[in-house]
C-alpha cells in the first residue's frame, strides 16, 4: 500500500546520461514513499524545469560533470533560489576530490556510481527522515496560524484583502458580510503597516514567513486585546493592520514593537496613516502609512561610497585582486547597514551605474547587468557577485597603451582629490611632469575626454551619490565635489545630468 500523496518525497534527477536517468527513475519507482517528478539532462534544463514546475521537489539528485551548467554550479544556483530543496551528488569514485566543494555548498549526500538499489533506498530514506524532522520542528507556529483560519476569519480576511487592493465591486459586498467583523464598519479606523526588519543572507523565505506569523500573533495579543481591529500578512515580511478609533493606541503599539525585539528577537518598523471615517475609507489610510514607512526607511539608506572608491581605483590600476577585495567589502557593508530588499537593490543599482560609467571610460564593453527584481536575497547577491566578477576579469585584461601610466596616475589623482577646488589642468600636468597640451592630447586619446571634462563628469557622479543623503544641503554637496560656488555647481550639474540638483534630489526614483 502506497503512503499518502503528501507523505511522498518528490525527486528531480539531473544527469546527462539517459541510461543513468532511466535506471535511477526505475529503481526509485520501486520504493514506497518516493516518486520521480521530473528528469533533466543538464543544469540549465533543470533550472527551467524548476521555474515551470507547479511545486518544487524535495530532493534533487544531480551529476557533477554536465554541459552548459555543471552540477556544482547548478547546486549553487538552486541553493540561492530554492534554499529549502535538498541536493545530493551522484558521481564516480574518481571525482570524490570535489566532495569538499560539495560540503561547502551544503550538499546533503555524495552518492558514488554505480549505486545498488538497497544503498540508494538507505540514502533516500535518511534524507526523508531529515526532511520530516525539519518540518515537524517548524510545524507548530504554522499550524496555529492555519487553525485560526476558520470560515469566518477566511471570509473576513478575503474581504479585507479585496478592499485594500481595490478588488471590491461595491460597498454592498462588504456590508453583506458585516457579521464576519467584530466591529462596526462605520466606526473610525487608523490603518498601519508593519515591516519585519530581520534580514540576512542566511534567512530563507520560510524563515521570513515564520517571523511574520510570530509578529502577527504578538500584535493580536498586545494591540488587539485592548481595541477592536484586524491584522493580516500582506506578503512575507509585511503586515497591515487597522485599529478602531480616531487615534492610534501608541502605548500598545510601542509595547508591541519593544516586545517583538526583546522577546521574539525580531526587530520591526511600523507606521500609521490618517484617520479613516469607516472601514470602507481605510485604503487611503494604509497607503499613507506605507509611504511614511518607506520614507523613514529610505532616510536610513547607507551607500558604501568608500568601497566604491576603492573598487574604481583598483580598476584603473588593473589590480584584479584589490578589485575583488573591494567588491566583497561593498556587498558586506551594504547588507550590514541596510534592511529591506528595496534598500539593498537601490545600493546594487547605484553600483551598477557607477561601474558602467567607469568601464565606459576605460573603453571596456560592460557586461549586461543582472535582472535582480523579484529574486530572494541570496540569488540577488549571487548574481551581483558573478556580474562584478565578469567586470573584474575584463579590467584584468586591459593592455597598456603608450602614455597609459601617465594617464592612469592623473585619473587616480583626480579620483582621490576631486573635492580640491584648486585642481586644474596645470596642476595635473605638473604632477606627471609634462606640458598641459601634451597631457590633454594623451588623455583625450585614451579616454575620449579632456582632463577637465573627465574631472567634471567624475564630480557629477560623486554629486549624484551624495544627493541621496537626505541631511546634506546643495551647497554642502557642491563643496564636497570641488565647487566653491553652489550656483555654478547647479548650472554645471544641469548641463551634465539634464536637471538641476534640487529636482534630481526630489525625483530620485526617476533619475537615479
Protein backbone atom coordinates (compact mmCIF):
# COMPACT_ATOMS: atom_id res chain seq x y z
CA UNK A 1 0.00 0.00 0.00
CA UNK A 2 1.47 3.34 -1.02
CA UNK A 3 1.78 6.16 1.51
CA UNK A 4 -0.49 9.15 1.20
CA UNK A 5 0.39 11.61 -1.55
CA UNK A 6 1.58 14.33 0.83
CA UNK A 7 3.95 11.89 2.60
CA UNK A 8 5.85 11.03 -0.57
CA UNK A 9 9.26 12.52 -1.21
CA UNK A 10 9.38 14.07 -4.69
CA UNK A 11 12.68 13.81 -6.55
CA UNK A 12 14.21 15.52 -9.60
CA UNK A 13 17.02 13.63 -11.40
CA UNK A 14 19.66 15.60 -13.35
CA UNK A 15 22.21 13.63 -15.41
CA UNK A 16 23.40 13.93 -19.00
CA UNK A 17 23.44 10.14 -19.47
CA UNK A 18 19.98 8.86 -20.41
CA UNK A 19 20.73 5.33 -19.23
CA UNK A 20 21.54 6.59 -15.72
CA UNK A 21 18.46 8.80 -15.58
CA UNK A 22 16.20 5.95 -16.62
CA UNK A 23 17.93 3.49 -14.29
CA UNK A 24 17.51 5.76 -11.28
CA UNK A 25 13.91 6.52 -12.19
CA UNK A 26 13.15 2.81 -12.49
CA UNK A 27 14.85 1.96 -9.16
CA UNK A 28 13.20 4.81 -7.23
CA UNK A 29 9.81 3.88 -8.68
CA UNK A 30 10.04 0.57 -6.82
CA UNK A 31 10.49 2.25 -3.41
CA UNK A 32 7.40 3.06 -1.33
CA UNK A 33 7.15 6.74 -0.42
CA UNK A 34 9.36 8.09 -3.20
CA UNK A 35 8.47 9.49 -6.61
CA UNK A 36 10.49 10.89 -9.51
CA UNK A 37 8.59 14.01 -10.61
CA UNK A 38 11.00 15.05 -13.35
CA UNK A 39 14.30 14.48 -15.12
CA UNK A 40 16.73 16.80 -16.93
CA UNK A 41 19.88 16.22 -18.96
CA UNK A 42 21.82 19.27 -17.70
CA UNK A 43 21.72 22.03 -15.10
CA UNK A 44 20.27 24.62 -17.46
CA UNK A 45 17.32 22.38 -18.37
CA UNK A 46 16.80 21.56 -14.69
CA UNK A 47 16.59 25.25 -13.77
CA UNK A 48 13.97 25.76 -16.47
CA UNK A 49 12.06 22.75 -15.14
CA UNK A 50 12.09 24.25 -11.62
CA UNK A 51 10.75 27.58 -12.90
CA UNK A 52 7.80 25.93 -14.63
CA UNK A 53 7.03 23.26 -12.01
CA UNK A 54 3.75 23.51 -10.09
CA UNK A 55 5.59 22.52 -6.91
CA UNK A 56 9.34 22.20 -6.22
CA UNK A 57 10.79 18.76 -5.46
CA UNK A 58 12.01 17.77 -2.01
CA UNK A 59 15.30 16.43 -3.37
CA UNK A 60 17.48 16.85 -6.44
CA UNK A 61 19.95 14.12 -7.41
CA UNK A 62 22.50 15.54 -9.85
CA UNK A 63 25.68 14.51 -11.62
CA UNK A 64 28.72 16.83 -11.37
CA UNK A 65 30.07 16.93 -14.92
CA UNK A 66 27.44 18.11 -17.42
CA UNK A 67 27.25 20.52 -20.35
CA UNK A 68 26.37 24.23 -20.03
CA UNK A 69 25.97 24.33 -16.25
CA UNK A 70 27.86 21.71 -14.24
CA UNK A 71 26.44 20.05 -11.15
CA UNK A 72 28.24 22.21 -8.58
CA UNK A 73 27.24 25.49 -10.24
CA UNK A 74 23.69 24.14 -10.60
CA UNK A 75 23.55 23.28 -6.89
CA UNK A 76 24.87 26.74 -6.04
CA UNK A 77 22.04 28.34 -8.04
CA UNK A 78 19.43 26.02 -6.54
CA UNK A 79 20.67 26.84 -3.02
CA UNK A 80 20.25 30.54 -3.76
CA UNK A 81 16.85 30.39 -5.43
CA UNK A 82 15.28 27.36 -3.67
CA UNK A 83 17.04 27.08 -0.28
CA UNK A 84 14.54 24.50 1.06
CA UNK A 85 15.36 21.92 -1.67
CA UNK A 86 17.95 19.34 -0.67
CA UNK A 87 20.61 18.30 -3.18
CA UNK A 88 22.56 15.04 -3.48
CA UNK A 89 25.50 14.47 -5.83
CA UNK A 90 25.78 11.33 -7.95
CA UNK A 91 29.28 10.85 -9.36
CA UNK A 92 32.11 8.42 -9.94
CA UNK A 93 34.78 7.38 -7.45
CA UNK A 94 37.44 9.38 -9.29
CA UNK A 95 35.54 12.62 -8.74
CA UNK A 96 35.44 12.40 -4.95
CA UNK A 97 38.08 15.15 -4.75
CA UNK A 98 35.17 17.53 -5.43
CA UNK A 99 33.49 16.47 -2.20
CA UNK A 100 34.96 19.47 -0.31
CA UNK A 101 33.25 21.87 -2.69
CA UNK A 102 30.06 19.86 -2.24
CA UNK A 103 30.36 20.19 1.53
CA UNK A 104 30.78 23.97 1.18
CA UNK A 105 27.52 24.04 -0.82
CA UNK A 106 25.78 22.05 1.96
CA UNK A 107 25.08 19.06 -0.28
CA UNK A 108 23.21 16.54 1.86
CA UNK A 109 24.69 13.34 0.32
CA UNK A 110 27.50 12.27 -2.02
CA UNK A 111 26.46 9.07 -3.85
CA UNK A 112 29.12 7.21 -5.85
CA UNK A 113 28.38 5.36 -9.09
CA UNK A 114 27.37 2.62 -9.51
CA UNK A 115 24.84 2.55 -6.67
CA UNK A 116 22.88 -0.56 -5.80
CA UNK A 117 19.10 -0.28 -5.03
CA UNK A 118 19.44 -1.15 -1.29
CA UNK A 119 22.13 1.51 -0.85
CA UNK A 120 20.07 4.05 -2.80
CA UNK A 121 16.98 3.35 -0.69
CA UNK A 122 19.02 3.76 2.51
CA UNK A 123 20.29 7.16 1.33
CA UNK A 124 16.83 8.37 0.29
CA UNK A 125 15.23 7.12 3.49
CA UNK A 126 17.81 9.03 5.55
CA UNK A 127 17.13 12.25 3.65
CA UNK A 128 13.38 11.76 4.03
CA UNK A 129 13.76 11.40 7.79
CA UNK A 130 15.79 14.64 7.94
CA UNK A 131 13.06 16.45 5.99
CA UNK A 132 10.38 15.03 8.30
CA UNK A 133 12.20 16.22 11.43
CA UNK A 134 12.74 19.70 9.99
CA UNK A 135 9.09 20.04 9.00
CA UNK A 136 8.00 18.89 12.45
CA UNK A 137 10.28 21.49 14.06
CA UNK A 138 8.67 24.34 12.10
CA UNK A 139 5.12 23.00 12.04
CA UNK A 140 3.71 24.33 15.33
CA UNK A 141 3.60 28.10 14.59
CA UNK A 142 2.27 27.50 11.09
CA UNK A 143 -0.30 25.01 12.36
CA UNK A 144 -1.56 27.55 14.89
CA UNK A 145 -1.91 30.05 12.06
CA UNK A 146 -3.84 27.51 9.98
CA UNK A 147 -6.12 26.53 12.88
CA UNK A 148 -7.21 30.14 13.40
CA UNK A 149 -8.18 30.43 9.74
CA UNK A 150 -11.74 29.20 10.22
CA UNK A 151 -14.52 30.06 7.81
CA UNK A 152 -15.40 33.43 9.39
CA UNK A 153 -11.81 34.62 9.53
CA UNK A 154 -11.18 33.44 6.00
CA UNK A 155 -14.14 35.41 4.66
CA UNK A 156 -13.13 38.48 6.68
CA UNK A 157 -9.52 38.43 5.52
CA UNK A 158 -10.56 37.81 1.91
CA UNK A 159 -12.93 40.80 2.01
CA UNK A 160 -10.30 42.99 3.64
CA UNK A 161 -7.72 41.96 1.06
CA UNK A 162 -10.15 42.76 -1.77
CA UNK A 163 -10.98 46.10 -0.15
CA UNK A 164 -7.36 47.16 0.36
CA UNK A 165 -6.31 46.13 -3.15
CA UNK A 166 -9.33 47.72 -4.86
CA UNK A 167 -10.97 44.48 -6.00
CA UNK A 168 -14.38 45.02 -4.36
CA UNK A 169 -17.10 45.67 -6.91
CA UNK A 170 -19.26 47.66 -4.48
CA UNK A 171 -19.59 48.59 -0.82
CA UNK A 172 -22.59 46.31 -0.54
CA UNK A 173 -20.30 43.30 -0.92
CA UNK A 174 -18.62 44.27 2.33
CA UNK A 175 -21.86 45.06 4.15
CA UNK A 176 -23.37 41.71 3.11
CA UNK A 177 -20.77 40.07 5.36
CA UNK A 178 -20.81 42.61 8.20
CA UNK A 179 -21.37 39.74 10.62
CA UNK A 180 -17.83 38.50 9.96
CA UNK A 181 -16.39 41.66 11.53
CA UNK A 182 -16.28 42.09 15.34
CA UNK A 183 -16.74 45.85 14.95
CA UNK A 184 -18.93 48.37 13.16
CA UNK A 185 -17.95 49.06 9.55
CA UNK A 186 -18.82 52.75 10.07
CA UNK A 187 -16.51 53.34 13.04
CA UNK A 188 -13.33 55.44 12.83
CA UNK A 189 -10.23 53.43 11.96
CA UNK A 190 -6.49 54.00 11.70
CA UNK A 191 -4.60 51.92 9.16
CA UNK A 192 -0.99 50.86 9.61
CA UNK A 193 1.81 48.72 8.21
CA UNK A 194 4.45 46.59 9.96
CA UNK A 195 7.74 45.58 8.34
CA UNK A 196 9.90 42.73 9.67
CA UNK A 197 13.45 44.10 9.73
CA UNK A 198 15.29 40.86 10.45
CA UNK A 199 17.32 40.44 7.30
CA UNK A 200 20.30 38.47 6.11
CA UNK A 201 21.63 36.03 3.56
CA UNK A 202 21.03 33.09 5.89
CA UNK A 203 17.26 33.67 6.08
CA UNK A 204 15.02 31.68 3.76
CA UNK A 205 11.52 32.63 2.63
CA UNK A 206 10.15 30.08 5.10
CA UNK A 207 12.09 31.73 7.93
CA UNK A 208 10.59 35.10 6.98
CA UNK A 209 7.10 33.58 6.88
CA UNK A 210 7.58 32.16 10.38
CA UNK A 211 8.75 35.56 11.63
CA UNK A 212 5.71 37.18 10.02
CA UNK A 213 3.36 34.70 11.69
CA UNK A 214 5.01 35.26 15.09
CA UNK A 215 4.74 39.05 14.69
CA UNK A 216 1.07 38.73 13.72
CA UNK A 217 0.31 36.65 16.80
CA UNK A 218 2.14 39.14 19.04
CA UNK A 219 0.20 42.06 17.52
CA UNK A 220 -3.06 40.23 18.18
CA UNK A 221 -2.14 39.61 21.83
CA UNK A 222 -0.69 43.05 22.62
CA UNK A 223 -2.63 45.52 20.46
CA UNK A 224 -5.91 43.85 19.52
CA UNK A 225 -6.54 42.63 23.08
CA UNK A 226 -7.37 46.22 24.04
CA UNK A 227 -9.08 47.50 20.91
CA UNK A 228 -11.11 46.10 18.03
CA UNK A 229 -9.41 45.70 14.68
CA UNK A 230 -7.52 43.30 12.46
CA UNK A 231 -4.02 42.35 11.36
CA UNK A 232 -3.09 40.28 8.32
CA UNK A 233 0.02 39.22 6.44
CA UNK A 234 0.05 41.13 3.16
CA UNK A 235 3.25 39.49 1.90
CA UNK A 236 6.16 37.75 3.54
CA UNK A 237 7.77 40.22 5.93
CA UNK A 238 5.00 42.84 5.64
CA UNK A 239 1.76 43.03 7.65
CA UNK A 240 -1.11 45.52 7.51
CA UNK A 241 -3.49 46.38 10.32
CA UNK A 242 -6.48 48.51 11.20
CA UNK A 243 -7.48 49.57 14.71
CA UNK A 244 -10.79 51.15 15.71
CA UNK A 245 -10.63 54.71 16.99
CA UNK A 246 -9.74 58.17 15.77
CA UNK A 247 -6.18 57.92 17.12
CA UNK A 248 -3.68 55.03 17.30
CA UNK A 249 -3.08 53.41 20.68
CA UNK A 250 0.58 54.47 20.81
CA UNK A 251 1.21 52.85 24.18
CA UNK A 252 0.10 49.43 22.87
CA UNK A 253 1.95 49.89 19.55
CA UNK A 254 5.19 50.90 21.28
CA UNK A 255 4.87 47.92 23.63
CA UNK A 256 4.31 45.67 20.62
CA UNK A 257 7.45 46.99 18.91
CA UNK A 258 9.53 46.59 22.07
CA UNK A 259 8.32 43.03 22.76
CA UNK A 260 8.88 41.95 19.16
CA UNK A 261 12.60 42.67 19.52
CA UNK A 262 13.15 41.79 23.19
CA UNK A 263 11.01 38.63 23.39
CA UNK A 264 10.83 37.32 19.82
CA UNK A 265 14.22 38.67 18.73
CA UNK A 266 12.56 40.18 15.65
CA UNK A 267 13.20 43.89 15.04
CA UNK A 268 10.27 45.61 13.32
CA UNK A 269 9.33 49.02 11.94
CA UNK A 270 5.76 50.30 11.79
CA UNK A 271 3.84 53.39 10.74
CA UNK A 272 0.22 54.54 10.82
CA UNK A 273 -1.85 56.61 8.42
CA UNK A 274 -4.55 59.25 8.80
CA UNK A 275 -7.89 58.51 10.45
CA UNK A 276 -10.40 56.76 8.17
CA UNK A 277 -14.11 57.51 8.58
CA UNK A 278 -15.32 53.94 8.29
CA UNK A 279 -13.71 50.72 7.13
CA UNK A 280 -14.56 51.49 3.50
CA UNK A 281 -12.21 54.51 3.67
CA UNK A 282 -9.31 52.55 5.17
CA UNK A 283 -7.34 52.10 1.93
CA UNK A 284 -6.02 55.72 1.78
CA UNK A 285 -5.02 55.49 5.44
CA UNK A 286 -2.96 52.36 4.75
CA UNK A 287 -1.41 53.89 1.63
CA UNK A 288 -0.29 56.85 3.73
CA UNK A 289 1.24 54.50 6.31
CA UNK A 290 3.19 52.68 3.61
CA UNK A 291 4.51 55.98 2.20
CA UNK A 292 5.60 57.14 5.65
CA UNK A 293 7.36 53.88 6.40
CA UNK A 294 9.17 53.82 3.04
CA UNK A 295 10.30 57.43 3.54
CA UNK A 296 11.59 56.63 7.03
CA UNK A 297 13.45 53.56 5.80
CA UNK A 298 14.98 55.44 2.86
CA UNK A 299 16.26 58.13 5.21
CA UNK A 300 18.50 55.45 6.73
CA UNK A 301 19.84 54.19 3.41
CA UNK A 302 23.61 53.71 3.58
CA UNK A 303 25.69 53.50 0.42
CA UNK A 304 29.29 52.19 0.83
CA UNK A 305 30.93 55.06 -1.05
CA UNK A 306 34.40 54.31 0.33
CA UNK A 307 34.32 50.76 -1.01
CA UNK A 308 33.14 52.01 -4.43
CA UNK A 309 36.08 54.42 -4.46
CA UNK A 310 38.49 51.55 -3.71
CA UNK A 311 36.88 49.46 -6.45
CA UNK A 312 37.22 52.24 -9.04
CA UNK A 313 40.84 52.98 -8.16
CA UNK A 314 41.76 49.29 -8.32
CA UNK A 315 40.01 49.01 -11.71
CA UNK A 316 42.03 51.89 -13.14
CA UNK A 317 45.19 50.20 -11.88
CA UNK A 318 44.12 46.84 -13.35
CA UNK A 319 44.58 45.31 -9.88
CA UNK A 320 42.03 42.49 -10.01
CA UNK A 321 42.84 41.15 -6.55
CA UNK A 322 42.23 44.55 -4.96
CA UNK A 323 39.03 44.85 -7.02
CA UNK A 324 37.77 41.55 -5.62
CA UNK A 325 38.54 42.67 -2.07
CA UNK A 326 36.72 45.98 -2.61
CA UNK A 327 33.72 44.26 -4.28
CA UNK A 328 33.37 41.81 -1.38
CA UNK A 329 33.68 44.67 1.13
CA UNK A 330 30.99 46.64 -0.73
CA UNK A 331 28.47 43.78 -0.61
CA UNK A 332 29.21 43.01 3.05
CA UNK A 333 28.87 46.68 4.07
CA UNK A 334 25.68 47.20 2.05
CA UNK A 335 23.97 44.20 3.68
CA UNK A 336 25.23 45.07 7.14
CA UNK A 337 23.88 48.63 7.15
CA UNK A 338 20.57 48.29 5.28
CA UNK A 339 17.42 46.27 5.92
CA UNK A 340 14.73 45.58 3.36
CA UNK A 341 15.12 44.39 -0.21
CA UNK A 342 14.35 47.88 -1.58
CA UNK A 343 17.46 49.40 0.00
CA UNK A 344 19.69 46.50 -1.00
CA UNK A 345 18.52 46.76 -4.60
CA UNK A 346 18.97 50.54 -4.52
CA UNK A 347 22.59 50.05 -3.44
CA UNK A 348 23.31 47.44 -6.11
CA UNK A 349 21.73 49.51 -8.89
CA UNK A 350 23.81 52.54 -7.85
CA UNK A 351 26.94 50.37 -8.00
CA UNK A 352 25.94 49.08 -11.46
CA UNK A 353 25.51 52.67 -12.67
CA UNK A 354 28.95 53.62 -11.31
CA UNK A 355 30.65 50.56 -12.85
CA UNK A 356 29.00 51.11 -16.24
CA UNK A 357 30.38 54.65 -16.30
CA UNK A 358 33.83 53.51 -15.22
CA UNK A 359 34.10 50.72 -17.80
CA UNK A 360 32.95 53.17 -20.47
CA UNK A 361 35.80 55.50 -19.52
CA UNK A 362 38.23 52.58 -19.74
CA UNK A 363 36.85 51.71 -23.21
CA UNK A 364 35.61 48.32 -21.97
CA UNK A 365 32.26 46.91 -23.09
CA UNK A 366 30.27 46.46 -19.91
CA UNK A 367 28.64 43.03 -19.32
CA UNK A 368 24.85 43.08 -19.33
CA UNK A 369 23.68 43.92 -15.78
CA UNK A 370 21.72 41.19 -13.99
CA UNK A 371 17.94 41.33 -13.53
CA UNK A 372 17.51 41.48 -9.75
CA UNK A 373 13.82 42.21 -9.22
CA UNK A 374 11.55 39.56 -7.66
CA UNK A 375 14.50 37.39 -6.55
CA UNK A 376 15.29 36.23 -2.99
CA UNK A 377 18.27 37.96 -1.36
CA UNK A 378 20.76 35.06 -1.76
CA UNK A 379 20.07 34.99 -5.52
CA UNK A 380 20.42 38.78 -5.79
CA UNK A 381 23.82 38.63 -4.09
CA UNK A 382 24.88 35.64 -6.20
CA UNK A 383 24.00 37.37 -9.48
CA UNK A 384 25.76 40.59 -8.41
CA UNK A 385 28.89 38.71 -7.36
CA UNK A 386 29.03 36.97 -10.76
CA UNK A 387 28.43 40.23 -12.65
CA UNK A 388 31.14 42.00 -10.67
CA UNK A 389 33.49 39.09 -11.29
CA UNK A 390 32.90 39.50 -15.04
CA UNK A 391 33.69 43.21 -14.79
CA UNK A 392 36.82 42.47 -12.77
CA UNK A 393 38.03 39.89 -15.30
CA UNK A 394 37.61 42.40 -18.14
CA UNK A 395 39.58 45.04 -16.24
CA UNK A 396 42.37 42.49 -15.72
CA UNK A 397 42.73 42.07 -19.49
CA UNK A 398 43.48 45.73 -20.16
CA UNK A 399 46.61 46.10 -22.27
CA UNK A 400 48.85 49.07 -21.50
CA UNK A 401 48.95 51.71 -24.26
CA UNK A 402 51.56 54.44 -24.87
CA UNK A 403 51.14 57.03 -22.15
CA UNK A 404 48.75 54.83 -20.17
CA UNK A 405 50.83 55.02 -16.96
CA UNK A 406 50.75 58.79 -17.09
CA UNK A 407 47.00 58.91 -17.80
CA UNK A 408 46.37 56.37 -15.04
CA UNK A 409 48.30 58.46 -12.49
CA UNK A 410 46.27 61.52 -13.41
CA UNK A 411 42.98 59.58 -13.17
CA UNK A 412 43.89 58.19 -9.74
CA UNK A 413 44.87 61.63 -8.53
CA UNK A 414 41.52 63.04 -9.68
CA UNK A 415 39.62 60.14 -8.06
CA UNK A 416 41.37 60.85 -4.76
CA UNK A 417 41.28 64.66 -4.90
CA UNK A 418 38.15 65.62 -6.86
CA UNK A 419 36.98 67.73 -3.85
CA UNK A 420 40.04 70.02 -4.20
CA UNK A 421 38.77 73.37 -5.54
CA UNK A 422 42.22 74.26 -6.87
CA UNK A 423 42.57 71.16 -9.08
CA UNK A 424 43.45 72.38 -12.60
CA UNK A 425 44.98 71.21 -15.86
CA UNK A 426 48.27 72.88 -14.97
CA UNK A 427 48.46 71.25 -11.55
CA UNK A 428 47.69 67.84 -13.08
CA UNK A 429 50.36 68.31 -15.77
CA UNK A 430 52.91 69.35 -13.15
CA UNK A 431 52.16 66.19 -11.21
CA UNK A 432 53.30 63.99 -14.11
CA UNK A 433 55.96 66.46 -15.37
CA UNK A 434 54.55 67.09 -18.87
CA UNK A 435 53.20 70.07 -20.77
CA UNK A 436 49.42 70.64 -20.28
CA UNK A 437 48.81 70.37 -24.05
CA UNK A 438 50.58 67.00 -24.21
CA UNK A 439 48.62 65.71 -21.21
CA UNK A 440 45.33 66.80 -22.84
CA UNK A 441 46.30 65.10 -26.10
CA UNK A 442 47.23 61.78 -24.48
CA UNK A 443 44.29 61.88 -22.08
CA UNK A 444 41.77 62.51 -24.85
CA UNK A 445 43.40 59.79 -26.99
CA UNK A 446 42.83 57.19 -24.28
CA UNK A 447 39.52 58.30 -22.77
CA UNK A 448 37.79 60.38 -25.45
CA UNK A 449 37.60 63.28 -22.96
CA UNK A 450 39.90 66.08 -21.94
CA UNK A 451 41.26 66.05 -18.37
CA UNK A 452 38.84 68.73 -17.23
CA UNK A 453 35.86 67.06 -18.94
CA UNK A 454 36.78 63.84 -17.16
CA UNK A 455 37.07 65.69 -13.84
CA UNK A 456 33.68 67.36 -14.37
CA UNK A 457 32.00 64.03 -15.10
CA UNK A 458 33.69 62.44 -12.09
CA UNK A 459 32.44 65.23 -9.86
CA UNK A 460 28.91 64.88 -11.23
CA UNK A 461 28.94 61.13 -10.48
CA UNK A 462 30.03 61.84 -6.91
CA UNK A 463 27.39 64.56 -6.58
CA UNK A 464 24.64 62.18 -7.71
CA UNK A 465 25.66 59.75 -4.97
CA UNK A 466 25.76 62.50 -2.32
CA UNK A 467 22.31 63.74 -3.33
CA UNK A 468 20.94 60.51 -1.86
CA UNK A 469 21.98 61.78 1.59
CA UNK A 470 18.85 63.49 2.99
CA UNK A 471 20.71 65.68 5.51
CA UNK A 472 23.16 67.26 3.04
CA UNK A 473 22.34 70.68 1.59
CA UNK A 474 23.10 71.50 -2.06
CA UNK A 475 25.81 73.98 -1.01
CA UNK A 476 27.49 71.28 1.13
CA UNK A 477 27.41 68.80 -1.75
CA UNK A 478 28.87 71.41 -4.10
CA UNK A 479 31.76 71.98 -1.70
CA UNK A 480 32.38 68.23 -1.27
CA UNK A 481 32.79 67.72 -5.02
CA UNK A 482 35.09 70.66 -5.62
CA UNK A 483 32.80 73.63 -6.39
CA UNK A 484 33.06 76.67 -4.14
CA UNK A 485 30.12 78.36 -5.87
CA UNK A 486 26.81 76.45 -5.45
CA UNK A 487 25.18 78.35 -8.34
CA UNK A 488 28.00 77.36 -10.69
CA UNK A 489 27.70 73.77 -9.44
CA UNK A 490 23.93 73.75 -10.07
CA UNK A 491 24.28 75.03 -13.64
CA UNK A 492 27.06 72.55 -14.39
CA UNK A 493 25.04 69.70 -12.87
CA UNK A 494 22.05 70.55 -15.06
CA UNK A 495 24.31 70.63 -18.13
CA UNK A 496 25.62 67.12 -17.44
CA UNK A 497 22.59 65.40 -15.88
CA UNK A 498 19.70 67.24 -17.53
CA UNK A 499 18.03 68.51 -14.34
CA UNK A 500 19.19 70.77 -11.53
CA UNK A 501 20.36 69.18 -8.23
CA UNK A 502 17.16 70.06 -6.34
CA UNK A 503 14.91 68.42 -8.95
CA UNK A 504 17.22 65.42 -9.09
CA UNK A 505 17.06 65.04 -5.29
CA UNK A 506 13.24 65.35 -5.30
CA UNK A 507 12.87 62.77 -8.08
CA UNK A 508 15.49 60.18 -7.21
CA UNK A 509 13.16 57.32 -8.16
CA UNK A 510 13.05 58.76 -11.69
CA UNK A 511 16.62 59.90 -12.27
CA UNK A 512 18.75 57.58 -10.15
